[in-house]
Structures are given as structure tokens and as C-alpha cells.
Amino acid sequence: MTRRATMMPMTSGTGTGRRLLVALVAIVVVALVIRDPDGAAHVVQRLAVGASEMLDALTTFVGALSETS
């Protein structure tokens, strides 16, 4: 008997590359924090402000959609 072909693509070998990329990004982030903690804190603060503004815009958008329905 032959094996039946599956519709799922085979994804062998992607775990190592993904782990390596995550480890590399983590090392870079730690190095940047050690090298310039004030700059890293400023970047985190700006990202938090941007995320807050995006969340506010999303809630406004969803609120406008619910009012028109």
C-alpha cells in the first residue's frame, strides 16, 4: 500500500532557525540595555505610548462601528 498524501505541508527543520533568531534578538536587546539603559527606557516608554494610542484608536473605531449597527 502507498501512503496517502496529506494536505498539511511538512515543516521540518524550522524550530532550530526560529530558536536561533529569538536567541539572537534577545542577546541584542540585552546588550542594548546594558550599553544604554536610559535610551532603552526611553524606547520602551515610546513603545508603550504608541501601543496605548493604538488601543485608544481601536476602541474608538469599534465604538463607532457598534453605534452605526
C-alpha atoms as a PDB file:
ATOM      1  CA  MET A   1       0.000   0.000   0.000  1.00  0.00           C
ATOM      2  CA  THR A   2       1.095   3.538  -0.625  1.00  0.00           C
ATOM      3  CA  ARG A   3       0.888   6.325   1.885  1.00  0.00           C
ATOM      4  CA  ARG A   4      -1.859   8.820   1.381  1.00  0.00           C
ATOM      5  CA  ALA A   5      -0.737  12.355   0.671  1.00  0.00           C
ATOM      6  CA  THR A   6      -1.669  14.845   3.334  1.00  0.00           C
ATOM      7  CA  MET A   7      -2.766  18.403   2.790  1.00  0.00           C
ATOM      8  CA  MET A   8      -0.544  19.637   5.604  1.00  0.00           C
ATOM      9  CA  PRO A   9       2.851  20.906   4.444  1.00  0.00           C
ATOM     10  CA  MET A  10       5.848  19.376   6.139  1.00  0.00           C
ATOM     11  CA  THR A  11       7.624  21.902   8.337  1.00  0.00           C
ATOM     12  CA  SER A  12      10.676  20.006   9.467  1.00  0.00           C
ATOM     13  CA  GLY A  13      13.748  21.945  10.492  1.00  0.00           C
ATOM     14  CA  THR A  14      12.163  25.336  11.221  1.00  0.00           C
ATOM     15  CA  GLY A  15      12.419  25.086  15.008  1.00  0.00           C
ATOM     16  CA  THR A  16      16.188  25.492  15.143  1.00  0.00           C
ATOM     17  CA  GLY A  17      16.226  28.583  12.953  1.00  0.00           C
ATOM     18  CA  ARG A  18      13.434  30.191  14.925  1.00  0.00           C
ATOM     19  CA  ARG A  19      15.181  29.471  18.229  1.00  0.00           C
ATOM     20  CA  LEU A  20      18.431  30.885  16.888  1.00  0.00           C
ATOM     21  CA  LEU A  21      16.680  34.056  15.732  1.00  0.00           C
ATOM     22  CA  VAL A  22      14.929  34.520  19.091  1.00  0.00           C
ATOM     23  CA  ALA A  23      18.207  33.971  20.949  1.00  0.00           C
ATOM     24  CA  LEU A  24      19.992  36.478  18.704  1.00  0.00           C
ATOM     25  CA  VAL A  25      17.288  39.113  19.230  1.00  0.00           C
ATOM     26  CA  ALA A  26      17.379  38.529  22.993  1.00  0.00           C
ATOM     27  CA  ILE A  27      21.165  38.936  23.059  1.00  0.00           C
ATOM     28  CA  VAL A  28      20.951  42.181  21.072  1.00  0.00           C
ATOM     29  CA  VAL A  29      18.242  43.576  23.362  1.00  0.00           C
ATOM     30  CA  VAL A  30      20.213  42.717  26.499  1.00  0.00           C
ATOM     31  CA  ALA A  31      23.352  44.269  25.003  1.00  0.00           C
ATOM     32  CA  LEU A  32      21.489  47.465  24.155  1.00  0.00           C
ATOM     33  CA  VAL A  33      20.011  47.685  27.659  1.00  0.00           C
ATOM     34  CA  ILE A  34      23.441  47.186  29.244  1.00  0.00           C
ATOM     35  CA  ARG A  35      25.089  49.674  26.894  1.00  0.00           C
ATOM     36  CA  ASP A  36      22.459  52.433  27.151  1.00  0.00           C
ATOM     37  CA  PRO A  37      19.838  51.871  29.863  1.00  0.00           C
ATOM     38  CA  ASP A  38      18.407  55.399  29.603  1.00  0.00           C
ATOM     39  CA  GLY A  39      17.934  55.052  25.852  1.00  0.00           C
ATOM     40  CA  ALA A  40      16.360  51.620  26.284  1.00  0.00           C
ATOM     41  CA  ALA A  41      13.950  53.009  28.879  1.00  0.00           C
ATOM     42  CA  HIS A  42      13.033  55.833  26.503  1.00  0.00           C
ATOM     43  CA  VAL A  43      12.358  53.346  23.685  1.00  0.00           C
ATOM     44  CA  VAL A  44      10.167  51.208  25.957  1.00  0.00           C
ATOM     45  CA  GLN A  45       8.264  54.307  27.087  1.00  0.00           C
ATOM     46  CA  ARG A  46       7.675  55.398  23.476  1.00  0.00           C
ATOM     47  CA  LEU A  47       6.504  51.893  22.538  1.00  0.00           C
ATOM     48  CA  ALA A  48       4.085  51.898  25.481  1.00  0.00           C
ATOM     49  CA  VAL A  49       2.704  55.293  24.458  1.00  0.00           C
ATOM     50  CA  GLY A  50       2.292  54.094  20.869  1.00  0.00           C
ATOM     51  CA  ALA A  51       0.542  50.903  21.991  1.00  0.00           C
ATOM     52  CA  SER A  52      -1.777  52.941  24.208  1.00  0.00           C
ATOM     53  CA  GLU A  53      -2.642  55.276  21.331  1.00  0.00           C
ATOM     54  CA  MET A  54      -3.327  52.303  19.037  1.00  0.00           C
ATOM     55  CA  LEU A  55      -5.577  50.731  21.659  1.00  0.00           C
ATOM     56  CA  ASP A  56      -7.478  54.007  22.088  1.00  0.00           C
ATOM     57  CA  ALA A  57      -7.929  54.295  18.326  1.00  0.00           C
ATOM     58  CA  LEU A  58      -9.125  50.695  18.106  1.00  0.00           C
ATOM     59  CA  THR A  59     -11.686  51.184  20.881  1.00  0.00           C
ATOM     60  CA  THR A  60     -12.917  54.368  19.197  1.00  0.00           C
ATOM     61  CA  PHE A  61     -13.256  52.505  15.895  1.00  0.00           C
ATOM     62  CA  VAL A  62     -15.126  49.578  17.458  1.00  0.00           C
ATOM     63  CA  GLY A  63     -17.361  52.008  19.350  1.00  0.00           C
ATOM     64  CA  ALA A  64     -18.183  53.822  16.116  1.00  0.00           C
ATOM     65  CA  LEU A  65     -18.991  50.518  14.431  1.00  0.00           C
ATOM     66  CA  SER A  66     -21.336  49.483  17.231  1.00  0.00           C
ATOM     67  CA  GLU A  67     -23.154  52.830  17.102  1.00  0.00           C
ATOM     68  CA  THR A  68     -23.889  52.511  13.384  1.00  0.00           C
ATOM     69  CA  SER A  69     -25.190  48.933  13.638  1.00  0.00           C
END
